[in-house]
Amino acid sequence: MSFVYEFSKILKISEKSFFESLSSFIGLPHRYEFFLKKKNCIFINDSKATSFKASKLALENSKNIFWILGGLPKKNDKIILGNLKKNIVKVYIIGKNINFFKNQIKDKISLCITKNLKNSIIRVIKDIKLLKKQKNTILLSPASASYDQFSNFEKRGNEFKKFL
């Protein structure tokens, strides 16, 4: 966004116009899509994140994350959490490649194997009630392809939104 802002200055677009345009911008569905705010929770559908690199942006830009992760990982993909751990409360692993994801994050962050989206959402809501945190982020950013349980990332993202 900073690049776009600097570019708008070169084009002599007023700061007011730039920020008005920015505030009316509607992002793409399934790409870091804020689709619901309920009580102390924000729900973000990032189903299009089919690699860890794609999920990393969402993990960098959110706090108190209850992260739904899993599917068919990209070949040679690695989950390197580093500083991101501080943003994540718990990880919920879905899909058929549970061991891949479990091995990538075990001993680094609290995790739960939920196998599918519906179970993940049920468990996330229970955990939020138990932990009593404020300003929670429920994030579907699977860092993998959807083909083990869904025909595409759109169906996966729509299924996530449907449960809420």
N, C-alpha and C. Protein backbone atom coordinates (compact mmCIF):
# COMPACT_ATOMS: atom_id res chain seq x y z
N MET A 1 0.82 -1.19 0.00
CA MET A 1 0.00 0.00 0.00
C MET A 1 0.87 1.26 0.00
N SER A 2 2.01 1.18 0.67
CA SER A 2 2.89 2.35 0.70
C SER A 2 3.38 2.70 -0.70
N PHE A 3 3.60 1.68 -1.52
CA PHE A 3 4.00 1.93 -2.90
C PHE A 3 2.89 2.68 -3.65
N VAL A 4 1.67 2.23 -3.49
CA VAL A 4 0.53 2.87 -4.16
C VAL A 4 0.38 4.31 -3.67
N TYR A 5 0.58 4.51 -2.37
CA TYR A 5 0.48 5.86 -1.81
C TYR A 5 1.54 6.78 -2.43
N GLU A 6 2.77 6.31 -2.50
CA GLU A 6 3.85 7.11 -3.10
C GLU A 6 3.57 7.37 -4.58
N PHE A 7 3.05 6.38 -5.26
CA PHE A 7 2.72 6.53 -6.68
C PHE A 7 1.61 7.57 -6.86
N SER A 8 0.64 7.59 -5.94
CA SER A 8 -0.45 8.58 -6.03
C SER A 8 0.09 10.00 -5.90
N LYS A 9 1.15 10.18 -5.12
CA LYS A 9 1.78 11.50 -4.99
C LYS A 9 2.40 11.94 -6.31
N ILE A 10 3.06 11.01 -6.98
CA ILE A 10 3.67 11.31 -8.29
C ILE A 10 2.61 11.73 -9.29
N LEU A 11 1.44 11.07 -9.21
CA LEU A 11 0.33 11.40 -10.10
C LEU A 11 -0.46 12.62 -9.64
N LYS A 12 0.00 13.23 -8.54
CA LYS A 12 -0.62 14.43 -7.97
C LYS A 12 -2.08 14.21 -7.55
N ILE A 13 -2.33 13.02 -7.02
CA ILE A 13 -3.65 12.72 -6.45
C ILE A 13 -3.62 13.22 -5.02
N SER A 14 -4.63 13.97 -4.64
CA SER A 14 -4.63 14.55 -3.30
C SER A 14 -4.69 13.44 -2.24
N GLU A 15 -4.12 13.76 -1.10
CA GLU A 15 -4.12 12.79 0.00
C GLU A 15 -5.55 12.45 0.41
N LYS A 16 -6.41 13.45 0.42
CA LYS A 16 -7.81 13.24 0.78
C LYS A 16 -8.46 12.24 -0.18
N SER A 17 -8.26 12.43 -1.48
CA SER A 17 -8.84 11.53 -2.48
C SER A 17 -8.27 10.11 -2.34
N PHE A 18 -6.98 10.05 -2.07
CA PHE A 18 -6.36 8.74 -1.91
C PHE A 18 -7.00 7.98 -0.76
N PHE A 19 -7.13 8.62 0.40
CA PHE A 19 -7.67 7.93 1.58
C PHE A 19 -9.17 7.67 1.45
N GLU A 20 -9.89 8.52 0.73
CA GLU A 20 -11.31 8.23 0.47
C GLU A 20 -11.44 6.98 -0.40
N SER A 21 -10.59 6.89 -1.42
CA SER A 21 -10.60 5.71 -2.29
C SER A 21 -10.22 4.46 -1.50
N LEU A 22 -9.24 4.59 -0.67
CA LEU A 22 -8.78 3.46 0.13
C LEU A 22 -9.88 2.96 1.06
N SER A 23 -10.61 3.88 1.67
CA SER A 23 -11.65 3.48 2.62
C SER A 23 -12.84 2.80 1.93
N SER A 24 -13.02 3.04 0.64
CA SER A 24 -14.12 2.40 -0.08
C SER A 24 -13.68 1.15 -0.84
N PHE A 25 -12.40 0.83 -0.74
CA PHE A 25 -11.87 -0.34 -1.46
C PHE A 25 -12.44 -1.63 -0.90
N ILE A 26 -12.90 -2.49 -1.77
CA ILE A 26 -13.41 -3.81 -1.39
C ILE A 26 -12.45 -4.85 -1.95
N GLY A 27 -11.86 -5.63 -1.07
CA GLY A 27 -10.89 -6.64 -1.47
C GLY A 27 -11.54 -7.82 -2.19
N LEU A 28 -10.69 -8.69 -2.68
CA LEU A 28 -11.15 -9.89 -3.36
C LEU A 28 -11.72 -10.89 -2.37
N PRO A 29 -12.76 -11.63 -2.78
CA PRO A 29 -13.24 -12.69 -1.90
C PRO A 29 -12.15 -13.74 -1.73
N HIS A 30 -12.10 -14.33 -0.55
CA HIS A 30 -11.18 -15.43 -0.24
C HIS A 30 -9.72 -14.98 -0.12
N ARG A 31 -9.43 -13.68 -0.19
CA ARG A 31 -8.07 -13.19 -0.01
C ARG A 31 -8.10 -12.19 1.14
N TYR A 32 -7.76 -12.64 2.33
CA TYR A 32 -7.77 -11.83 3.54
C TYR A 32 -9.06 -11.00 3.63
N GLU A 33 -10.16 -11.70 3.49
CA GLU A 33 -11.49 -11.10 3.42
C GLU A 33 -12.13 -11.04 4.82
N PHE A 34 -12.27 -9.82 5.34
CA PHE A 34 -13.00 -9.63 6.60
C PHE A 34 -14.47 -9.78 6.26
N PHE A 35 -15.10 -10.81 6.75
CA PHE A 35 -16.50 -11.00 6.34
C PHE A 35 -17.49 -10.97 7.50
N LEU A 36 -17.00 -10.98 8.73
CA LEU A 36 -17.93 -10.96 9.85
C LEU A 36 -17.22 -10.45 11.10
N LYS A 37 -17.93 -9.59 11.83
CA LYS A 37 -17.47 -9.16 13.15
C LYS A 37 -18.60 -9.47 14.10
N LYS A 38 -18.29 -10.27 15.10
CA LYS A 38 -19.32 -10.72 16.03
C LYS A 38 -18.76 -10.66 17.44
N LYS A 39 -19.38 -9.88 18.29
CA LYS A 39 -18.91 -9.66 19.66
C LYS A 39 -17.43 -9.28 19.65
N ASN A 40 -16.59 -10.11 20.23
CA ASN A 40 -15.16 -9.79 20.32
C ASN A 40 -14.33 -10.57 19.29
N CYS A 41 -14.96 -10.95 18.18
CA CYS A 41 -14.28 -11.76 17.16
C CYS A 41 -14.42 -11.17 15.77
N ILE A 42 -13.31 -11.25 15.03
CA ILE A 42 -13.30 -10.89 13.61
C ILE A 42 -13.01 -12.19 12.86
N PHE A 43 -13.80 -12.45 11.83
CA PHE A 43 -13.63 -13.65 11.02
C PHE A 43 -13.03 -13.25 9.67
N ILE A 44 -11.92 -13.90 9.33
CA ILE A 44 -11.22 -13.59 8.09
C ILE A 44 -11.10 -14.85 7.24
N ASN A 45 -11.56 -14.73 6.01
CA ASN A 45 -11.49 -15.82 5.04
C ASN A 45 -10.31 -15.55 4.12
N ASP A 46 -9.26 -16.33 4.28
CA ASP A 46 -8.07 -16.22 3.43
C ASP A 46 -7.84 -17.57 2.74
N SER A 47 -8.93 -18.16 2.27
CA SER A 47 -8.88 -19.50 1.68
C SER A 47 -7.97 -19.57 0.46
N LYS A 48 -7.74 -18.45 -0.18
CA LYS A 48 -6.88 -18.43 -1.37
C LYS A 48 -5.39 -18.61 -1.01
N ALA A 49 -5.05 -18.55 0.25
CA ALA A 49 -3.66 -18.72 0.68
C ALA A 49 -3.30 -20.21 0.59
N THR A 50 -2.69 -20.58 -0.51
CA THR A 50 -2.41 -22.00 -0.76
C THR A 50 -0.95 -22.37 -0.53
N SER A 51 -0.19 -21.50 0.14
CA SER A 51 1.18 -21.80 0.54
C SER A 51 1.44 -21.03 1.83
N PHE A 52 2.49 -21.42 2.55
CA PHE A 52 2.79 -20.69 3.78
C PHE A 52 3.12 -19.23 3.48
N LYS A 53 3.84 -19.00 2.41
CA LYS A 53 4.20 -17.63 2.04
C LYS A 53 2.93 -16.77 1.88
N ALA A 54 1.89 -17.35 1.29
CA ALA A 54 0.63 -16.62 1.11
C ALA A 54 -0.08 -16.40 2.45
N SER A 55 0.03 -17.34 3.37
CA SER A 55 -0.61 -17.20 4.69
C SER A 55 0.15 -16.23 5.59
N LYS A 56 1.42 -16.07 5.34
CA LYS A 56 2.28 -15.25 6.19
C LYS A 56 1.76 -13.82 6.33
N LEU A 57 1.26 -13.24 5.26
CA LEU A 57 0.74 -11.86 5.30
C LEU A 57 -0.39 -11.75 6.32
N ALA A 58 -1.31 -12.69 6.29
CA ALA A 58 -2.43 -12.67 7.23
C ALA A 58 -1.93 -12.82 8.66
N LEU A 59 -0.94 -13.67 8.86
CA LEU A 59 -0.39 -13.90 10.20
C LEU A 59 0.38 -12.68 10.71
N GLU A 60 0.97 -11.93 9.81
CA GLU A 60 1.70 -10.71 10.19
C GLU A 60 0.75 -9.57 10.54
N ASN A 61 -0.43 -9.56 9.94
CA ASN A 61 -1.33 -8.41 10.06
C ASN A 61 -2.51 -8.62 10.98
N SER A 62 -2.48 -9.65 11.78
CA SER A 62 -3.56 -9.91 12.73
C SER A 62 -2.96 -10.25 14.08
N LYS A 63 -3.77 -10.16 15.11
CA LYS A 63 -3.37 -10.49 16.48
C LYS A 63 -4.40 -11.45 17.07
N ASN A 64 -4.00 -12.14 18.14
CA ASN A 64 -4.88 -13.10 18.82
C ASN A 64 -5.55 -14.04 17.81
N ILE A 65 -4.73 -14.68 17.02
CA ILE A 65 -5.22 -15.49 15.90
C ILE A 65 -5.52 -16.91 16.34
N PHE A 66 -6.70 -17.36 15.98
CA PHE A 66 -7.07 -18.76 16.04
C PHE A 66 -7.03 -19.22 14.58
N TRP A 67 -5.95 -19.90 14.22
CA TRP A 67 -5.58 -20.15 12.82
C TRP A 67 -6.02 -21.54 12.37
N ILE A 68 -6.86 -21.58 11.33
CA ILE A 68 -7.27 -22.83 10.71
C ILE A 68 -6.34 -23.08 9.53
N LEU A 69 -5.66 -24.22 9.59
CA LEU A 69 -4.55 -24.54 8.69
C LEU A 69 -4.72 -25.96 8.17
N GLY A 70 -4.39 -26.19 6.89
CA GLY A 70 -4.33 -27.56 6.40
C GLY A 70 -4.96 -27.75 5.03
N GLY A 71 -4.65 -28.88 4.45
CA GLY A 71 -5.08 -29.24 3.11
C GLY A 71 -3.96 -30.01 2.45
N LEU A 72 -3.72 -29.73 1.18
CA LEU A 72 -2.62 -30.35 0.44
C LEU A 72 -1.47 -29.36 0.35
N PRO A 73 -0.39 -29.58 1.10
CA PRO A 73 0.72 -28.62 1.09
C PRO A 73 1.45 -28.62 -0.25
N LYS A 74 2.02 -27.47 -0.56
CA LYS A 74 2.86 -27.35 -1.76
C LYS A 74 4.15 -28.13 -1.53
N LYS A 75 4.70 -28.68 -2.59
CA LYS A 75 5.94 -29.42 -2.50
C LYS A 75 7.03 -28.51 -1.94
N ASN A 76 7.77 -29.01 -0.98
CA ASN A 76 8.89 -28.31 -0.33
C ASN A 76 8.47 -27.08 0.48
N ASP A 77 7.18 -26.90 0.72
CA ASP A 77 6.74 -25.75 1.52
C ASP A 77 7.15 -25.99 2.98
N LYS A 78 7.56 -24.94 3.63
CA LYS A 78 7.95 -25.00 5.04
C LYS A 78 7.21 -23.91 5.80
N ILE A 79 6.79 -24.24 7.00
CA ILE A 79 6.13 -23.28 7.86
C ILE A 79 7.16 -22.78 8.86
N ILE A 80 7.59 -21.55 8.69
CA ILE A 80 8.58 -20.94 9.57
C ILE A 80 7.89 -19.79 10.29
N LEU A 81 7.56 -20.03 11.55
CA LEU A 81 6.76 -19.05 12.29
C LEU A 81 7.58 -17.89 12.84
N GLY A 82 8.76 -18.13 13.35
CA GLY A 82 9.59 -17.04 13.87
C GLY A 82 8.81 -16.07 14.73
N ASN A 83 8.83 -14.79 14.37
CA ASN A 83 8.13 -13.74 15.12
C ASN A 83 6.61 -13.86 15.06
N LEU A 84 6.10 -14.65 14.13
CA LEU A 84 4.65 -14.76 13.98
C LEU A 84 3.99 -15.47 15.15
N LYS A 85 4.75 -16.26 15.89
CA LYS A 85 4.20 -17.02 17.03
C LYS A 85 3.46 -16.11 18.01
N LYS A 86 3.97 -14.91 18.19
CA LYS A 86 3.36 -13.99 19.16
C LYS A 86 1.94 -13.58 18.75
N ASN A 87 1.61 -13.71 17.48
CA ASN A 87 0.28 -13.32 17.00
C ASN A 87 -0.74 -14.46 17.07
N ILE A 88 -0.26 -15.69 17.26
CA ILE A 88 -1.12 -16.87 17.15
C ILE A 88 -1.42 -17.44 18.53
N VAL A 89 -2.69 -17.60 18.83
CA VAL A 89 -3.12 -18.21 20.09
C VAL A 89 -3.09 -19.73 19.95
N LYS A 90 -3.68 -20.23 18.86
CA LYS A 90 -3.80 -21.67 18.67
C LYS A 90 -4.00 -21.97 17.19
N VAL A 91 -3.57 -23.18 16.80
CA VAL A 91 -3.71 -23.64 15.42
C VAL A 91 -4.65 -24.84 15.40
N TYR A 92 -5.52 -24.87 14.40
CA TYR A 92 -6.49 -25.96 14.21
C TYR A 92 -6.18 -26.59 12.85
N ILE A 93 -5.78 -27.86 12.86
CA ILE A 93 -5.32 -28.51 11.63
C ILE A 93 -6.45 -29.32 11.01
N ILE A 94 -6.68 -29.05 9.72
CA ILE A 94 -7.72 -29.75 8.95
C ILE A 94 -7.07 -30.51 7.79
N GLY A 95 -7.86 -31.36 7.16
CA GLY A 95 -7.42 -32.02 5.94
C GLY A 95 -6.78 -33.38 6.16
N LYS A 96 -6.30 -33.95 5.09
CA LYS A 96 -5.74 -35.30 5.10
C LYS A 96 -4.25 -35.35 5.38
N ASN A 97 -3.58 -34.22 5.37
CA ASN A 97 -2.13 -34.17 5.61
C ASN A 97 -1.82 -33.63 6.99
N ILE A 98 -2.54 -34.11 7.97
CA ILE A 98 -2.40 -33.62 9.34
C ILE A 98 -0.96 -33.74 9.84
N ASN A 99 -0.33 -34.87 9.58
CA ASN A 99 1.04 -35.08 10.10
C ASN A 99 2.03 -34.07 9.54
N PHE A 100 1.89 -33.71 8.27
CA PHE A 100 2.79 -32.71 7.69
C PHE A 100 2.73 -31.42 8.50
N PHE A 101 1.51 -30.92 8.74
CA PHE A 101 1.35 -29.66 9.45
C PHE A 101 1.72 -29.80 10.93
N LYS A 102 1.32 -30.89 11.52
CA LYS A 102 1.65 -31.13 12.93
C LYS A 102 3.17 -31.13 13.13
N ASN A 103 3.89 -31.80 12.26
CA ASN A 103 5.35 -31.85 12.37
C ASN A 103 6.00 -30.49 12.15
N GLN A 104 5.37 -29.65 11.34
CA GLN A 104 5.93 -28.32 11.07
C GLN A 104 5.77 -27.36 12.25
N ILE A 105 4.71 -27.54 13.06
CA ILE A 105 4.45 -26.55 14.11
C ILE A 105 4.47 -27.12 15.53
N LYS A 106 4.57 -28.43 15.69
CA LYS A 106 4.56 -28.98 17.05
C LYS A 106 5.71 -28.40 17.86
N ASP A 107 5.50 -28.32 19.13
CA ASP A 107 6.47 -27.76 20.07
C ASP A 107 6.73 -26.27 19.85
N LYS A 108 6.04 -25.64 18.92
CA LYS A 108 6.23 -24.20 18.66
C LYS A 108 5.02 -23.40 19.12
N ILE A 109 3.84 -24.03 18.99
CA ILE A 109 2.60 -23.31 19.30
C ILE A 109 1.51 -24.33 19.63
N SER A 110 0.55 -23.92 20.39
CA SER A 110 -0.55 -24.82 20.77
C SER A 110 -1.34 -25.21 19.52
N LEU A 111 -1.66 -26.51 19.41
CA LEU A 111 -2.40 -26.96 18.23
C LEU A 111 -3.48 -27.95 18.61
N CYS A 112 -4.41 -28.10 17.71
CA CYS A 112 -5.53 -29.01 17.88
C CYS A 112 -5.83 -29.63 16.51
N ILE A 113 -6.02 -30.92 16.46
CA ILE A 113 -6.36 -31.58 15.20
C ILE A 113 -7.88 -31.68 15.13
N THR A 114 -8.46 -30.96 14.18
CA THR A 114 -9.92 -30.90 14.07
C THR A 114 -10.45 -31.57 12.81
N LYS A 115 -9.61 -31.86 11.85
CA LYS A 115 -9.88 -32.61 10.62
C LYS A 115 -10.70 -31.87 9.57
N ASN A 116 -11.67 -31.02 9.98
CA ASN A 116 -12.46 -30.31 8.98
C ASN A 116 -12.88 -28.93 9.50
N LEU A 117 -13.42 -28.12 8.60
CA LEU A 117 -13.78 -26.74 8.95
C LEU A 117 -14.83 -26.66 10.04
N LYS A 118 -15.86 -27.48 9.92
CA LYS A 118 -16.94 -27.43 10.90
C LYS A 118 -16.41 -27.71 12.30
N ASN A 119 -15.63 -28.76 12.46
CA ASN A 119 -15.06 -29.08 13.77
C ASN A 119 -14.14 -27.96 14.26
N SER A 120 -13.41 -27.35 13.33
CA SER A 120 -12.51 -26.25 13.70
C SER A 120 -13.29 -25.09 14.29
N ILE A 121 -14.35 -24.70 13.64
CA ILE A 121 -15.14 -23.55 14.11
C ILE A 121 -15.75 -23.84 15.48
N ILE A 122 -16.27 -25.05 15.65
CA ILE A 122 -16.84 -25.43 16.94
C ILE A 122 -15.78 -25.34 18.03
N ARG A 123 -14.61 -25.85 17.75
CA ARG A 123 -13.52 -25.85 18.73
C ARG A 123 -12.99 -24.44 19.00
N VAL A 124 -12.86 -23.64 17.96
CA VAL A 124 -12.40 -22.26 18.13
C VAL A 124 -13.34 -21.50 19.07
N ILE A 125 -14.62 -21.62 18.85
CA ILE A 125 -15.59 -20.90 19.67
C ILE A 125 -15.52 -21.36 21.13
N LYS A 126 -15.35 -22.66 21.34
CA LYS A 126 -15.18 -23.17 22.71
C LYS A 126 -13.92 -22.60 23.34
N ASP A 127 -12.83 -22.60 22.60
CA ASP A 127 -11.56 -22.08 23.12
C ASP A 127 -11.63 -20.60 23.44
N ILE A 128 -12.30 -19.83 22.61
CA ILE A 128 -12.44 -18.39 22.85
C ILE A 128 -13.21 -18.15 24.15
N LYS A 129 -14.26 -18.93 24.36
CA LYS A 129 -15.03 -18.79 25.60
C LYS A 129 -14.18 -19.14 26.82
N LEU A 130 -13.35 -20.19 26.70
CA LEU A 130 -12.49 -20.60 27.81
C LEU A 130 -11.39 -19.59 28.11
N LEU A 131 -10.76 -19.09 27.06
CA LEU A 131 -9.62 -18.18 27.24
C LEU A 131 -10.02 -16.76 27.58
N LYS A 132 -11.24 -16.37 27.22
CA LYS A 132 -11.77 -15.04 27.52
C LYS A 132 -10.86 -13.92 27.06
N LYS A 133 -10.30 -14.06 25.85
CA LYS A 133 -9.47 -13.00 25.27
C LYS A 133 -10.37 -11.97 24.58
N GLN A 134 -9.86 -10.75 24.48
CA GLN A 134 -10.56 -9.69 23.76
C GLN A 134 -9.99 -9.60 22.35
N LYS A 135 -10.77 -9.13 21.41
CA LYS A 135 -10.33 -8.88 20.03
C LYS A 135 -9.66 -10.11 19.41
N ASN A 136 -10.43 -11.16 19.24
CA ASN A 136 -9.95 -12.41 18.65
C ASN A 136 -10.08 -12.37 17.14
N THR A 137 -9.17 -13.06 16.46
CA THR A 137 -9.22 -13.20 15.01
C THR A 137 -9.32 -14.67 14.68
N ILE A 138 -10.41 -15.04 14.03
CA ILE A 138 -10.57 -16.42 13.55
C ILE A 138 -10.19 -16.37 12.09
N LEU A 139 -9.10 -17.05 11.77
CA LEU A 139 -8.48 -16.94 10.45
C LEU A 139 -8.42 -18.28 9.74
N LEU A 140 -9.11 -18.37 8.61
CA LEU A 140 -8.91 -19.49 7.70
C LEU A 140 -7.86 -19.03 6.69
N SER A 141 -6.65 -19.50 6.88
CA SER A 141 -5.56 -19.23 5.95
C SER A 141 -4.75 -20.52 5.87
N PRO A 142 -5.21 -21.46 5.06
CA PRO A 142 -4.77 -22.85 5.14
C PRO A 142 -3.34 -23.17 4.71
N ALA A 143 -2.68 -22.27 4.03
CA ALA A 143 -1.30 -22.50 3.58
C ALA A 143 -1.19 -23.78 2.76
N SER A 144 -2.23 -24.11 2.03
CA SER A 144 -2.24 -25.35 1.24
C SER A 144 -3.42 -25.35 0.28
N ALA A 145 -3.33 -26.24 -0.69
CA ALA A 145 -4.43 -26.41 -1.65
C ALA A 145 -5.61 -27.09 -0.98
N SER A 146 -6.77 -26.94 -1.56
CA SER A 146 -8.02 -27.42 -0.97
C SER A 146 -8.46 -28.80 -1.45
N TYR A 147 -7.78 -29.36 -2.43
CA TYR A 147 -8.30 -30.51 -3.17
C TYR A 147 -8.51 -31.78 -2.36
N ASP A 148 -7.99 -31.85 -1.14
CA ASP A 148 -8.23 -33.05 -0.34
C ASP A 148 -9.66 -33.09 0.20
N GLN A 149 -10.29 -31.91 0.38
CA GLN A 149 -11.66 -31.87 0.91
C GLN A 149 -12.63 -31.03 0.08
N PHE A 150 -12.09 -30.19 -0.80
CA PHE A 150 -12.93 -29.29 -1.60
C PHE A 150 -12.44 -29.28 -3.04
N SER A 151 -13.31 -28.91 -3.97
CA SER A 151 -12.90 -28.88 -5.37
C SER A 151 -12.05 -27.66 -5.70
N ASN A 152 -12.11 -26.60 -4.85
CA ASN A 152 -11.27 -25.41 -5.05
C ASN A 152 -11.30 -24.53 -3.81
N PHE A 153 -10.44 -23.52 -3.80
CA PHE A 153 -10.35 -22.64 -2.63
C PHE A 153 -11.62 -21.84 -2.42
N GLU A 154 -12.37 -21.52 -3.51
CA GLU A 154 -13.61 -20.77 -3.36
C GLU A 154 -14.63 -21.56 -2.56
N LYS A 155 -14.76 -22.85 -2.87
CA LYS A 155 -15.72 -23.69 -2.15
C LYS A 155 -15.30 -23.82 -0.68
N ARG A 156 -14.00 -23.93 -0.45
CA ARG A 156 -13.50 -24.01 0.93
C ARG A 156 -13.85 -22.71 1.68
N GLY A 157 -13.59 -21.57 1.07
CA GLY A 157 -13.89 -20.29 1.70
C GLY A 157 -15.38 -20.07 1.92
N ASN A 158 -16.18 -20.47 0.96
CA ASN A 158 -17.64 -20.33 1.10
C ASN A 158 -18.17 -21.24 2.20
N GLU A 159 -17.61 -22.42 2.32
CA GLU A 159 -18.00 -23.35 3.38
C GLU A 159 -17.68 -22.74 4.74
N PHE A 160 -16.53 -22.14 4.87
CA PHE A 160 -16.14 -21.47 6.11
C PHE A 160 -17.15 -20.39 6.47
N LYS A 161 -17.50 -19.56 5.51
CA LYS A 161 -18.45 -18.47 5.76
C LYS A 161 -19.85 -19.01 6.07
N LYS A 162 -20.19 -20.12 5.48
CA LYS A 162 -21.53 -20.71 5.67
C LYS A 162 -21.77 -21.16 7.10
N PHE A 163 -20.72 -21.63 7.77
CA PHE A 163 -20.87 -22.14 9.13
C PHE A 163 -21.13 -21.06 10.17
N LEU A 164 -20.95 -19.81 9.80
CA LEU A 164 -21.05 -18.73 10.81
C LEU A 164 -22.32 -17.94 10.73
